[in-house]
Amino acid sequence: MTALQIVEPAAADACCTSSGLPVLGAEEAQGKAQLFKALADPNRLRLLSIVKASDGGEACVCDLTEPLDLGQPTVSHHLKILVDAGLLRREKRGTWAYYSLVPGALERTAGVLSDL
């Protein structure tokens, strides 16, 4: 008969290699993968670039359809993915939504690979 091993939730997600260095746990890897999936689309990269370059660092969804030559529903879908990934924030003003970069999001994104 074998004894059951109880593993704390925080410890279950992280493990160590034989060198003792921590490795990426499943939950953390899932979050980082969502970020990279959001960045893996050329239209989403262009949206980030347009928002970053916009006056005041924000852009209305109405101003983002023409530069990408995409319809509003498609642009809104891409923007939602960027918001869900933590790269953009959305602010509703009347009937329009305005998007801006989450402060520090691009810097944190750049550091993700170096932290592996």
PDB file of N, CA and C in Angstrom:
ATOM      1  N   MET A   1       0.844  -1.175   0.000  1.00  0.00           N
ATOM      2  CA  MET A   1       0.000   0.000   0.000  1.00  0.00           C
ATOM      3  C   MET A   1       0.894   1.245   0.000  1.00  0.00           C
ATOM      4  N   THR A   2       0.592   2.209  -0.855  1.00  0.00           N
ATOM      5  CA  THR A   2       1.403   3.429  -0.922  1.00  0.00           C
ATOM      6  C   THR A   2       0.696   4.551  -0.181  1.00  0.00           C
ATOM      7  N   ALA A   3       1.475   5.441   0.366  1.00  0.00           N
ATOM      8  CA  ALA A   3       0.928   6.591   1.088  1.00  0.00           C
ATOM      9  C   ALA A   3       0.573   7.677   0.102  1.00  0.00           C
ATOM     10  N   LEU A   4      -0.496   8.388   0.357  1.00  0.00           N
ATOM     11  CA  LEU A   4      -0.879   9.528  -0.466  1.00  0.00           C
ATOM     12  C   LEU A   4      -0.015  10.717  -0.108  1.00  0.00           C
ATOM     13  N   GLN A   5       0.413  11.432  -1.115  1.00  0.00           N
ATOM     14  CA  GLN A   5       1.216  12.628  -0.882  1.00  0.00           C
ATOM     15  C   GLN A   5       0.331  13.840  -1.075  1.00  0.00           C
ATOM     16  N   ILE A   6       0.292  14.718  -0.101  1.00  0.00           N
ATOM     17  CA  ILE A   6      -0.492  15.943  -0.194  1.00  0.00           C
ATOM     18  C   ILE A   6       0.423  17.049  -0.694  1.00  0.00           C
ATOM     19  N   VAL A   7      -0.008  17.686  -1.775  1.00  0.00           N
ATOM     20  CA  VAL A   7       0.791  18.754  -2.379  1.00  0.00           C
ATOM     21  C   VAL A   7      -0.006  20.041  -2.268  1.00  0.00           C
ATOM     22  N   GLU A   8       0.608  21.072  -1.727  1.00  0.00           N
ATOM     23  CA  GLU A   8      -0.036  22.383  -1.625  1.00  0.00           C
ATOM     24  C   GLU A   8      -0.238  22.937  -3.028  1.00  0.00           C
ATOM     25  N   PRO A   9      -1.346  23.690  -3.279  1.00  0.00           N
ATOM     26  CA  PRO A   9      -1.621  24.210  -4.620  1.00  0.00           C
ATOM     27  C   PRO A   9      -0.488  25.035  -5.198  1.00  0.00           C
ATOM     28  N   ALA A  10       0.131  25.895  -4.420  1.00  0.00           N
ATOM     29  CA  ALA A  10       1.208  26.745  -4.938  1.00  0.00           C
ATOM     30  C   ALA A  10       2.402  25.896  -5.346  1.00  0.00           C
ATOM     31  N   ALA A  11       2.671  24.854  -4.578  1.00  0.00           N
ATOM     32  CA  ALA A  11       3.809  23.993  -4.876  1.00  0.00           C
ATOM     33  C   ALA A  11       3.518  23.087  -6.065  1.00  0.00           C
ATOM     34  N   ALA A  12       2.257  22.791  -6.314  1.00  0.00           N
ATOM     35  CA  ALA A  12       1.900  21.894  -7.400  1.00  0.00           C
ATOM     36  C   ALA A  12       2.180  22.517  -8.758  1.00  0.00           C
ATOM     37  N   ASP A  13       2.148  23.832  -8.866  1.00  0.00           N
ATOM     38  CA  ASP A  13       2.323  24.492 -10.149  1.00  0.00           C
ATOM     39  C   ASP A  13       3.796  24.720 -10.490  1.00  0.00           C
ATOM     40  N   ALA A  14       4.649  24.732  -9.523  1.00  0.00           N
ATOM     41  CA  ALA A  14       6.063  24.978  -9.773  1.00  0.00           C
ATOM     42  C   ALA A  14       6.854  23.741  -9.383  1.00  0.00           C
ATOM     43  N   CYS A  15       7.897  23.489 -10.119  1.00  0.00           N
ATOM     44  CA  CYS A  15       8.759  22.376  -9.753  1.00  0.00           C
ATOM     45  C   CYS A  15      10.202  22.810  -9.988  1.00  0.00           C
ATOM     46  N   CYS A  16      11.120  21.971  -9.599  1.00  0.00           N
ATOM     47  CA  CYS A  16      12.532  22.315  -9.746  1.00  0.00           C
ATOM     48  C   CYS A  16      13.231  21.252 -10.566  1.00  0.00           C
ATOM     49  N   THR A  17      14.258  21.649 -11.273  1.00  0.00           N
ATOM     50  CA  THR A  17      15.096  20.703 -11.984  1.00  0.00           C
ATOM     51  C   THR A  17      16.122  20.171 -11.003  1.00  0.00           C
ATOM     52  N   SER A  18      16.915  19.237 -11.438  1.00  0.00           N
ATOM     53  CA  SER A  18      17.934  18.686 -10.553  1.00  0.00           C
ATOM     54  C   SER A  18      18.947  19.747 -10.141  1.00  0.00           C
ATOM     55  N   SER A  19      19.049  20.837 -10.909  1.00  0.00           N
ATOM     56  CA  SER A  19      19.971  21.915 -10.548  1.00  0.00           C
ATOM     57  C   SER A  19      19.402  22.802  -9.449  1.00  0.00           C
ATOM     58  N   GLY A  20      18.109  22.615  -9.135  1.00  0.00           N
ATOM     59  CA  GLY A  20      17.470  23.421  -8.104  1.00  0.00           C
ATOM     60  C   GLY A  20      16.866  24.705  -8.624  1.00  0.00           C
ATOM     61  N   LEU A  21      17.034  24.982  -9.917  1.00  0.00           N
ATOM     62  CA  LEU A  21      16.453  26.192 -10.495  1.00  0.00           C
ATOM     63  C   LEU A  21      14.972  25.963 -10.764  1.00  0.00           C
ATOM     64  N   PRO A  22      14.137  26.959 -10.486  1.00  0.00           N
ATOM     65  CA  PRO A  22      12.701  26.779 -10.736  1.00  0.00           C
ATOM     66  C   PRO A  22      12.415  26.716 -12.231  1.00  0.00           C
ATOM     67  N   VAL A  23      11.418  25.914 -12.577  1.00  0.00           N
ATOM     68  CA  VAL A  23      10.974  25.848 -13.963  1.00  0.00           C
ATOM     69  C   VAL A  23       9.548  26.370 -14.034  1.00  0.00           C
ATOM     70  N   LEU A  24       9.131  26.704 -15.203  1.00  0.00           N
ATOM     71  CA  LEU A  24       7.813  27.265 -15.425  1.00  0.00           C
ATOM     72  C   LEU A  24       6.746  26.217 -15.144  1.00  0.00           C
ATOM     73  N   GLY A  25       5.806  26.566 -14.293  1.00  0.00           N
ATOM     74  CA  GLY A  25       4.693  25.676 -13.999  1.00  0.00           C
ATOM     75  C   GLY A  25       3.622  25.772 -15.060  1.00  0.00           C
ATOM     76  N   ALA A  26       2.685  24.845 -15.041  1.00  0.00           N
ATOM     77  CA  ALA A  26       1.652  24.762 -16.065  1.00  0.00           C
ATOM     78  C   ALA A  26       0.778  26.018 -16.111  1.00  0.00           C
ATOM     79  N   GLU A  27       0.353  26.504 -14.961  1.00  0.00           N
ATOM     80  CA  GLU A  27      -0.529  27.673 -14.929  1.00  0.00           C
ATOM     81  C   GLU A  27       0.196  28.926 -15.416  1.00  0.00           C
ATOM     82  N   GLU A  28       1.429  29.096 -14.979  1.00  0.00           N
ATOM     83  CA  GLU A  28       2.208  30.257 -15.410  1.00  0.00           C
ATOM     84  C   GLU A  28       2.501  30.189 -16.914  1.00  0.00           C
ATOM     85  N   ALA A  29       2.793  28.995 -17.413  1.00  0.00           N
ATOM     86  CA  ALA A  29       3.051  28.821 -18.841  1.00  0.00           C
ATOM     87  C   ALA A  29       1.806  29.158 -19.654  1.00  0.00           C
ATOM     88  N   GLN A  30       0.633  28.789 -19.136  1.00  0.00           N
ATOM     89  CA  GLN A  30      -0.617  29.092 -19.835  1.00  0.00           C
ATOM     90  C   GLN A  30      -0.806  30.607 -19.980  1.00  0.00           C
ATOM     91  N   GLY A  31      -0.528  31.352 -18.911  1.00  0.00           N
ATOM     92  CA  GLY A  31      -0.650  32.806 -18.959  1.00  0.00           C
ATOM     93  C   GLY A  31       0.319  33.439 -19.927  1.00  0.00           C
ATOM     94  N   LYS A  32       1.551  32.955 -19.931  1.00  0.00           N
ATOM     95  CA  LYS A  32       2.552  33.501 -20.847  1.00  0.00           C
ATOM     96  C   LYS A  32       2.220  33.141 -22.296  1.00  0.00           C
ATOM     97  N   ALA A  33       1.683  31.948 -22.509  1.00  0.00           N
ATOM     98  CA  ALA A  33       1.295  31.535 -23.858  1.00  0.00           C
ATOM     99  C   ALA A  33       0.172  32.422 -24.389  1.00  0.00           C
ATOM    100  N   GLN A  34      -0.764  32.808 -23.513  1.00  0.00           N
ATOM    101  CA  GLN A  34      -1.850  33.697 -23.938  1.00  0.00           C
ATOM    102  C   GLN A  34      -1.273  35.024 -24.422  1.00  0.00           C
ATOM    103  N   LEU A  35      -0.269  35.512 -23.724  1.00  0.00           N
ATOM    104  CA  LEU A  35       0.379  36.754 -24.131  1.00  0.00           C
ATOM    105  C   LEU A  35       1.020  36.607 -25.512  1.00  0.00           C
ATOM    106  N   PHE A  36       1.760  35.526 -25.714  1.00  0.00           N
ATOM    107  CA  PHE A  36       2.422  35.336 -27.003  1.00  0.00           C
ATOM    108  C   PHE A  36       1.425  35.066 -28.125  1.00  0.00           C
ATOM    109  N   LYS A  37       0.328  34.398 -27.825  1.00  0.00           N
ATOM    110  CA  LYS A  37      -0.712  34.192 -28.838  1.00  0.00           C
ATOM    111  C   LYS A  37      -1.305  35.535 -29.267  1.00  0.00           C
ATOM    112  N   ALA A  38      -1.479  36.426 -28.313  1.00  0.00           N
ATOM    113  CA  ALA A  38      -2.011  37.757 -28.632  1.00  0.00           C
ATOM    114  C   ALA A  38      -1.056  38.515 -29.544  1.00  0.00           C
ATOM    115  N   LEU A  39       0.224  38.316 -29.362  1.00  0.00           N
ATOM    116  CA  LEU A  39       1.224  39.035 -30.155  1.00  0.00           C
ATOM    117  C   LEU A  39       1.531  38.351 -31.485  1.00  0.00           C
ATOM    118  N   ALA A  40       1.046  37.136 -31.674  1.00  0.00           N
ATOM    119  CA  ALA A  40       1.404  36.346 -32.851  1.00  0.00           C
ATOM    120  C   ALA A  40       0.617  36.722 -34.101  1.00  0.00           C
ATOM    121  N   ASP A  41      -0.221  37.713 -34.019  1.00  0.00           N
ATOM    122  CA  ASP A  41      -1.027  38.119 -35.165  1.00  0.00           C
ATOM    123  C   ASP A  41      -0.555  39.485 -35.666  1.00  0.00           C
ATOM    124  N   PRO A  42      -0.267  39.627 -36.953  1.00  0.00           N
ATOM    125  CA  PRO A  42       0.229  40.911 -37.477  1.00  0.00           C
ATOM    126  C   PRO A  42      -0.745  42.062 -37.272  1.00  0.00           C
ATOM    127  N   ASN A  43      -2.047  41.802 -37.365  1.00  0.00           N
ATOM    128  CA  ASN A  43      -3.020  42.879 -37.145  1.00  0.00           C
ATOM    129  C   ASN A  43      -2.980  43.371 -35.702  1.00  0.00           C
ATOM    130  N   ARG A  44      -2.782  42.470 -34.751  1.00  0.00           N
ATOM    131  CA  ARG A  44      -2.713  42.885 -33.346  1.00  0.00           C
ATOM    132  C   ARG A  44      -1.426  43.656 -33.062  1.00  0.00           C
ATOM    133  N   LEU A  45      -0.344  43.258 -33.704  1.00  0.00           N
ATOM    134  CA  LEU A  45       0.898  44.031 -33.556  1.00  0.00           C
ATOM    135  C   LEU A  45       0.716  45.438 -34.123  1.00  0.00           C
ATOM    136  N   ARG A  46       0.043  45.529 -35.239  1.00  0.00           N
ATOM    137  CA  ARG A  46      -0.216  46.845 -35.830  1.00  0.00           C
ATOM    138  C   ARG A  46      -1.114  47.681 -34.917  1.00  0.00           C
ATOM    139  N   LEU A  47      -2.126  47.048 -34.323  1.00  0.00           N
ATOM    140  CA  LEU A  47      -3.002  47.774 -33.403  1.00  0.00           C
ATOM    141  C   LEU A  47      -2.213  48.334 -32.225  1.00  0.00           C
ATOM    142  N   LEU A  48      -1.331  47.522 -31.651  1.00  0.00           N
ATOM    143  CA  LEU A  48      -0.501  48.012 -30.543  1.00  0.00           C
ATOM    144  C   LEU A  48       0.330  49.207 -30.986  1.00  0.00           C
ATOM    145  N   SER A  49       0.905  49.113 -32.171  1.00  0.00           N
ATOM    146  CA  SER A  49       1.737  50.190 -32.694  1.00  0.00           C
ATOM    147  C   SER A  49       0.927  51.464 -32.912  1.00  0.00           C
ATOM    148  N   ILE A  50      -0.268  51.313 -33.471  1.00  0.00           N
ATOM    149  CA  ILE A  50      -1.117  52.482 -33.736  1.00  0.00           C
ATOM    150  C   ILE A  50      -1.546  53.145 -32.435  1.00  0.00           C
ATOM    151  N   VAL A  51      -1.972  52.337 -31.471  1.00  0.00           N
ATOM    152  CA  VAL A  51      -2.403  52.893 -30.177  1.00  0.00           C
ATOM    153  C   VAL A  51      -1.240  53.606 -29.508  1.00  0.00           C
ATOM    154  N   LYS A  52      -0.067  52.988 -29.512  1.00  0.00           N
ATOM    155  CA  LYS A  52       1.107  53.594 -28.871  1.00  0.00           C
ATOM    156  C   LYS A  52       1.475  54.919 -29.526  1.00  0.00           C
ATOM    157  N   ALA A  53       1.344  55.015 -30.851  1.00  0.00           N
ATOM    158  CA  ALA A  53       1.736  56.222 -31.581  1.00  0.00           C
ATOM    159  C   ALA A  53       0.652  57.291 -31.592  1.00  0.00           C
ATOM    160  N   SER A  54      -0.544  56.970 -31.139  1.00  0.00           N
ATOM    161  CA  SER A  54      -1.664  57.920 -31.183  1.00  0.00           C
ATOM    162  C   SER A  54      -1.461  59.078 -30.221  1.00  0.00           C
ATOM    163  N   ASP A  55      -2.064  60.222 -30.571  1.00  0.00           N
ATOM    164  CA  ASP A  55      -2.025  61.385 -29.688  1.00  0.00           C
ATOM    165  C   ASP A  55      -2.600  61.017 -28.333  1.00  0.00           C
ATOM    166  N   GLY A  56      -1.881  61.371 -27.289  1.00  0.00           N
ATOM    167  CA  GLY A  56      -2.334  61.075 -25.937  1.00  0.00           C
ATOM    168  C   GLY A  56      -2.199  59.616 -25.558  1.00  0.00           C
ATOM    169  N   GLY A  57      -1.623  58.787 -26.452  1.00  0.00           N
ATOM    170  CA  GLY A  57      -1.424  57.384 -26.146  1.00  0.00           C
ATOM    171  C   GLY A  57      -2.695  56.561 -26.103  1.00  0.00           C
ATOM    172  N   GLU A  58      -3.750  57.065 -26.751  1.00  0.00           N
ATOM    173  CA  GLU A  58      -4.992  56.307 -26.801  1.00  0.00           C
ATOM    174  C   GLU A  58      -5.642  56.498 -28.158  1.00  0.00           C
ATOM    175  N   ALA A  59      -6.453  55.503 -28.539  1.00  0.00           N
ATOM    176  CA  ALA A  59      -7.131  55.576 -29.823  1.00  0.00           C
ATOM    177  C   ALA A  59      -8.548  55.042 -29.686  1.00  0.00           C
ATOM    178  N   CYS A  60      -9.444  55.665 -30.420  1.00  0.00           N
ATOM    179  CA  CYS A  60     -10.837  55.229 -30.474  1.00  0.00           C
ATOM    180  C   CYS A  60     -10.928  54.071 -31.466  1.00  0.00           C
ATOM    181  N   VAL A  61     -11.770  53.121 -31.143  1.00  0.00           N
ATOM    182  CA  VAL A  61     -11.951  51.985 -32.051  1.00  0.00           C
ATOM    183  C   VAL A  61     -12.365  52.470 -33.437  1.00  0.00           C
ATOM    184  N   CYS A  62     -13.069  53.577 -33.501  1.00  0.00           N
ATOM    185  CA  CYS A  62     -13.503  54.119 -34.795  1.00  0.00           C
ATOM    186  C   CYS A  62     -12.318  54.561 -35.651  1.00  0.00           C
ATOM    187  N   ASP A  63     -11.178  54.868 -35.026  1.00  0.00           N
ATOM    188  CA  ASP A  63      -9.983  55.294 -35.755  1.00  0.00           C
ATOM    189  C   ASP A  63      -9.056  54.136 -36.118  1.00  0.00           C
ATOM    190  N   LEU A  64      -9.411  52.919 -35.707  1.00  0.00           N
ATOM    191  CA  LEU A  64      -8.521  51.786 -35.911  1.00  0.00           C
ATOM    192  C   LEU A  64      -8.924  50.885 -37.071  1.00  0.00           C
ATOM    193  N   THR A  65     -10.118  51.075 -37.603  1.00  0.00           N
ATOM    194  CA  THR A  65     -10.566  50.200 -38.677  1.00  0.00           C
ATOM    195  C   THR A  65      -9.919  50.546 -40.020  1.00  0.00           C
ATOM    196  N   GLU A  66      -9.846  51.836 -40.331  1.00  0.00           N
ATOM    197  CA  GLU A  66      -9.305  52.257 -41.627  1.00  0.00           C
ATOM    198  C   GLU A  66      -7.833  51.880 -41.813  1.00  0.00           C
ATOM    199  N   PRO A  67      -6.940  52.141 -40.854  1.00  0.00           N
ATOM    200  CA  PRO A  67      -5.532  51.802 -41.079  1.00  0.00           C
ATOM    201  C   PRO A  67      -5.294  50.306 -41.308  1.00  0.00           C
ATOM    202  N   LEU A  68      -6.144  49.462 -40.730  1.00  0.00           N
ATOM    203  CA  LEU A  68      -5.978  48.022 -40.903  1.00  0.00           C
ATOM    204  C   LEU A  68      -6.795  47.472 -42.070  1.00  0.00           C
ATOM    205  N   ASP A  69      -7.679  48.307 -42.624  1.00  0.00           N
ATOM    206  CA  ASP A  69      -8.561  47.888 -43.702  1.00  0.00           C
ATOM    207  C   ASP A  69      -9.361  46.648 -43.296  1.00  0.00           C
ATOM    208  N   LEU A  70      -9.861  46.693 -42.050  1.00  0.00           N
ATOM    209  CA  LEU A  70     -10.682  45.612 -41.501  1.00  0.00           C
ATOM    210  C   LEU A  70     -11.982  46.199 -40.994  1.00  0.00           C
ATOM    211  N   GLY A  71     -12.992  45.373 -40.904  1.00  0.00           N
ATOM    212  CA  GLY A  71     -14.270  45.818 -40.378  1.00  0.00           C
ATOM    213  C   GLY A  71     -14.215  46.022 -38.874  1.00  0.00           C
ATOM    214  N   GLN A  72     -15.161  46.793 -38.363  1.00  0.00           N
ATOM    215  CA  GLN A  72     -15.196  47.097 -36.932  1.00  0.00           C
ATOM    216  C   GLN A  72     -15.318  45.839 -36.068  1.00  0.00           C
ATOM    217  N   PRO A  73     -16.144  44.847 -36.433  1.00  0.00           N
ATOM    218  CA  PRO A  73     -16.217  43.642 -35.588  1.00  0.00           C
ATOM    219  C   PRO A  73     -14.882  42.898 -35.497  1.00  0.00           C
ATOM    220  N   THR A  74     -14.150  42.845 -36.611  1.00  0.00           N
ATOM    221  CA  THR A  74     -12.848  42.162 -36.612  1.00  0.00           C
ATOM    222  C   THR A  74     -11.843  42.920 -35.759  1.00  0.00           C
ATOM    223  N   VAL A  75     -11.811  44.233 -35.900  1.00  0.00           N
ATOM    224  CA  VAL A  75     -10.905  45.056 -35.095  1.00  0.00           C
ATOM    225  C   VAL A  75     -11.254  44.911 -33.603  1.00  0.00           C
ATOM    226  N   SER A  76     -12.528  44.936 -33.288  1.00  0.00           N
ATOM    227  CA  SER A  76     -12.958  44.785 -31.896  1.00  0.00           C
ATOM    228  C   SER A  76     -12.539  43.428 -31.331  1.00  0.00           C
ATOM    229  N   HIS A  77     -12.612  42.389 -32.147  1.00  0.00           N
ATOM    230  CA  HIS A  77     -12.171  41.058 -31.721  1.00  0.00           C
ATOM    231  C   HIS A  77     -10.681  41.066 -31.376  1.00  0.00           C
ATOM    232  N   HIS A  78      -9.879  41.657 -32.257  1.00  0.00           N
ATOM    233  CA  HIS A  78      -8.435  41.733 -32.005  1.00  0.00           C
ATOM    234  C   HIS A  78      -8.142  42.562 -30.753  1.00  0.00           C
ATOM    235  N   LEU A  79      -8.857  43.651 -30.578  1.00  0.00           N
ATOM    236  CA  LEU A  79      -8.656  44.496 -29.402  1.00  0.00           C
ATOM    237  C   LEU A  79      -9.017  43.753 -28.118  1.00  0.00           C
ATOM    238  N   LYS A  80     -10.066  42.956 -28.150  1.00  0.00           N
ATOM    239  CA  LYS A  80     -10.460  42.178 -26.975  1.00  0.00           C
ATOM    240  C   LYS A  80      -9.360  41.196 -26.582  1.00  0.00           C
ATOM    241  N   ILE A  81      -8.751  40.572 -27.562  1.00  0.00           N
ATOM    242  CA  ILE A  81      -7.653  39.643 -27.287  1.00  0.00           C
ATOM    243  C   ILE A  81      -6.489  40.380 -26.629  1.00  0.00           C
ATOM    244  N   LEU A  82      -6.183  41.576 -27.111  1.00  0.00           N
ATOM    245  CA  LEU A  82      -5.093  42.368 -26.521  1.00  0.00           C
ATOM    246  C   LEU A  82      -5.440  42.831 -25.112  1.00  0.00           C
ATOM    247  N   VAL A  83      -6.697  43.141 -24.865  1.00  0.00           N
ATOM    248  CA  VAL A  83      -7.140  43.519 -23.517  1.00  0.00           C
ATOM    249  C   VAL A  83      -7.043  42.306 -22.592  1.00  0.00           C
ATOM    250  N   ASP A  84      -7.533  41.164 -23.042  1.00  0.00           N
ATOM    251  CA  ASP A  84      -7.497  39.942 -22.232  1.00  0.00           C
ATOM    252  C   ASP A  84      -6.073  39.509 -21.901  1.00  0.00           C
ATOM    253  N   ALA A  85      -5.133  39.820 -22.794  1.00  0.00           N
ATOM    254  CA  ALA A  85      -3.727  39.479 -22.573  1.00  0.00           C
ATOM    255  C   ALA A  85      -3.033  40.479 -21.654  1.00  0.00           C
ATOM    256  N   GLY A  86      -3.728  41.560 -21.281  1.00  0.00           N
ATOM    257  CA  GLY A  86      -3.145  42.545 -20.382  1.00  0.00           C
ATOM    258  C   GLY A  86      -2.282  43.588 -21.051  1.00  0.00           C
ATOM    259  N   LEU A  87      -2.397  43.719 -22.357  1.00  0.00           N
ATOM    260  CA  LEU A  87      -1.576  44.686 -23.085  1.00  0.00           C
ATOM    261  C   LEU A  87      -2.279  46.035 -23.271  1.00  0.00           C
ATOM    262  N   LEU A  88      -3.583  45.995 -23.475  1.00  0.00           N
ATOM    263  CA  LEU A  88      -4.364  47.214 -23.656  1.00  0.00           C
ATOM    264  C   LEU A  88      -5.435  47.307 -22.585  1.00  0.00           C
ATOM    265  N   ARG A  89      -5.843  48.546 -22.330  1.00  0.00           N
ATOM    266  CA  ARG A  89      -7.016  48.750 -21.479  1.00  0.00           C
ATOM    267  C   ARG A  89      -8.068  49.474 -22.294  1.00  0.00           C
ATOM    268  N   ARG A  90      -9.320  49.218 -21.931  1.00  0.00           N
ATOM    269  CA  ARG A  90     -10.460  49.756 -22.669  1.00  0.00           C
ATOM    270  C   ARG A  90     -11.249  50.686 -21.767  1.00  0.00           C
ATOM    271  N   GLU A  91     -11.594  51.845 -22.312  1.00  0.00           N
ATOM    272  CA  GLU A  91     -12.426  52.805 -21.581  1.00  0.00           C
ATOM    273  C   GLU A  91     -13.594  53.187 -22.468  1.00  0.00           C
ATOM    274  N   LYS A  92     -14.778  52.982 -21.979  1.00  0.00           N
ATOM    275  CA  LYS A  92     -15.996  53.305 -22.728  1.00  0.00           C
ATOM    276  C   LYS A  92     -16.361  54.763 -22.477  1.00  0.00           C
ATOM    277  N   ARG A  93     -16.574  55.506 -23.556  1.00  0.00           N
ATOM    278  CA  ARG A  93     -17.016  56.901 -23.483  1.00  0.00           C
ATOM    279  C   ARG A  93     -18.187  57.073 -24.434  1.00  0.00           C
ATOM    280  N   GLY A  94     -19.371  57.141 -23.872  1.00  0.00           N
ATOM    281  CA  GLY A  94     -20.564  57.219 -24.705  1.00  0.00           C
ATOM    282  C   GLY A  94     -20.707  55.952 -25.522  1.00  0.00           C
ATOM    283  N   THR A  95     -20.795  56.107 -26.833  1.00  0.00           N
ATOM    284  CA  THR A  95     -20.943  54.931 -27.685  1.00  0.00           C
ATOM    285  C   THR A  95     -19.616  54.380 -28.180  1.00  0.00           C
ATOM    286  N   TRP A  96     -18.514  55.075 -27.900  1.00  0.00           N
ATOM    287  CA  TRP A  96     -17.210  54.660 -28.403  1.00  0.00           C
ATOM    288  C   TRP A  96     -16.348  54.078 -27.294  1.00  0.00           C
ATOM    289  N   ALA A  97     -15.446  53.203 -27.692  1.00  0.00           N
ATOM    290  CA  ALA A  97     -14.467  52.623 -26.770  1.00  0.00           C
ATOM    291  C   ALA A  97     -13.087  53.160 -27.162  1.00  0.00           C
ATOM    292  N   TYR A  98     -12.335  53.551 -26.156  1.00  0.00           N
ATOM    293  CA  TYR A  98     -10.980  54.057 -26.359  1.00  0.00           C
ATOM    294  C   TYR A  98      -9.997  53.072 -25.747  1.00  0.00           C
ATOM    295  N   TYR A  99      -8.885  52.875 -26.435  1.00  0.00           N
ATOM    296  CA  TYR A  99      -7.887  51.901 -26.008  1.00  0.00           C
ATOM    297  C   TYR A  99      -6.560  52.599 -25.760  1.00  0.00           C
ATOM    298  N   SER A 100      -5.881  52.151 -24.715  1.00  0.00           N
ATOM    299  CA  SER A 100      -4.547  52.660 -24.398  1.00  0.00           C
ATOM    300  C   SER A 100      -3.709  51.501 -23.888  1.00  0.00           C
ATOM    301  N   LEU A 101      -2.409  51.682 -23.963  1.00  0.00           N
ATOM    302  CA  LEU A 101      -1.500  50.648 -23.457  1.00  0.00           C
ATOM    303  C   LEU A 101      -1.583  50.586 -21.937  1.00  0.00           C
ATOM    304  N   VAL A 102      -1.537  49.388 -21.405  1.00  0.00           N
ATOM    305  CA  VAL A 102      -1.425  49.223 -19.962  1.00  0.00           C
ATOM    306  C   VAL A 102      -0.009  49.663 -19.590  1.00  0.00           C
ATOM    307  N   PRO A 103       0.133  50.580 -18.623  1.00  0.00           N
ATOM    308  CA  PRO A 103       1.480  51.041 -18.256  1.00  0.00           C
ATOM    309  C   PRO A 103       2.395  49.869 -17.881  1.00  0.00           C
ATOM    310  N   GLY A 104       3.561  49.841 -18.518  1.00  0.00           N
ATOM    311  CA  GLY A 104       4.567  48.814 -18.234  1.00  0.00           C
ATOM    312  C   GLY A 104       4.330  47.482 -18.920  1.00  0.00           C
ATOM    313  N   ALA A 105       3.230  47.336 -19.658  1.00  0.00           N
ATOM    314  CA  ALA A 105       2.909  46.036 -20.269  1.00  0.00           C
ATOM    315  C   ALA A 105       3.948  45.614 -21.303  1.00  0.00           C
ATOM    316  N   LEU A 106       4.404  46.540 -22.111  1.00  0.00           N
ATOM    317  CA  LEU A 106       5.385  46.175 -23.137  1.00  0.00           C
ATOM    318  C   LEU A 106       6.730  45.823 -22.506  1.00  0.00           C
ATOM    319  N   GLU A 107       7.100  46.532 -21.463  1.00  0.00           N
ATOM    320  CA  GLU A 107       8.351  46.230 -20.773  1.00  0.00           C
ATOM    321  C   GLU A 107       8.280  44.861 -20.098  1.00  0.00           C
ATOM    322  N   ARG A 108       7.138  44.560 -19.469  1.00  0.00           N
ATOM    323  CA  ARG A 108       6.972  43.241 -18.836  1.00  0.00           C
ATOM    324  C   ARG A 108       6.996  42.138 -19.889  1.00  0.00           C
ATOM    325  N   THR A 109       6.390  42.415 -21.027  1.00  0.00           N
ATOM    326  CA  THR A 109       6.366  41.441 -22.111  1.00  0.00           C
ATOM    327  C   THR A 109       7.787  41.161 -22.597  1.00  0.00           C
ATOM    328  N   ALA A 110       8.576  42.206 -22.734  1.00  0.00           N
ATOM    329  CA  ALA A 110       9.964  42.029 -23.182  1.00  0.00           C
ATOM    330  C   ALA A 110      10.763  41.193 -22.189  1.00  0.00           C
ATOM    331  N   GLY A 111      10.419  41.273 -20.919  1.00  0.00           N
ATOM    332  CA  GLY A 111      11.153  40.531 -19.898  1.00  0.00           C
ATOM    333  C   GLY A 111      10.708  39.090 -19.742  1.00  0.00           C
ATOM    334  N   VAL A 112       9.613  38.688 -20.338  1.00  0.00           N
ATOM    335  CA  VAL A 112       9.085  37.341 -20.153  1.00  0.00           C
ATOM    336  C   VAL A 112      10.082  36.284 -20.604  1.00  0.00           C
ATOM    337  N   LEU A 113      10.648  36.447 -21.791  1.00  0.00           N
ATOM    338  CA  LEU A 113      11.598  35.444 -22.283  1.00  0.00           C
ATOM    339  C   LEU A 113      12.877  35.403 -21.472  1.00  0.00           C
ATOM    340  N   SER A 114      13.356  36.538 -21.046  1.00  0.00           N
ATOM    341  CA  SER A 114      14.602  36.542 -20.274  1.00  0.00           C
ATOM    342  C   SER A 114      14.408  35.945 -18.893  1.00  0.00           C
ATOM    343  N   ASP A 115      13.160  35.878 -18.414  1.00  0.00           N
ATOM    344  CA  ASP A 115      12.887  35.303 -17.111  1.00  0.00           C
ATOM    345  C   ASP A 115      12.714  33.785 -17.124  1.00  0.00           C
ATOM    346  N   LEU A 116      12.701  33.185 -18.313  1.00  0.00           N
ATOM    347  CA  LEU A 116      12.512  31.726 -18.392  1.00  0.00           C
ATOM    348  C   LEU A 116      13.643  30.980 -17.736  1.00  0.00           C
TER     349      LEU A 116
END
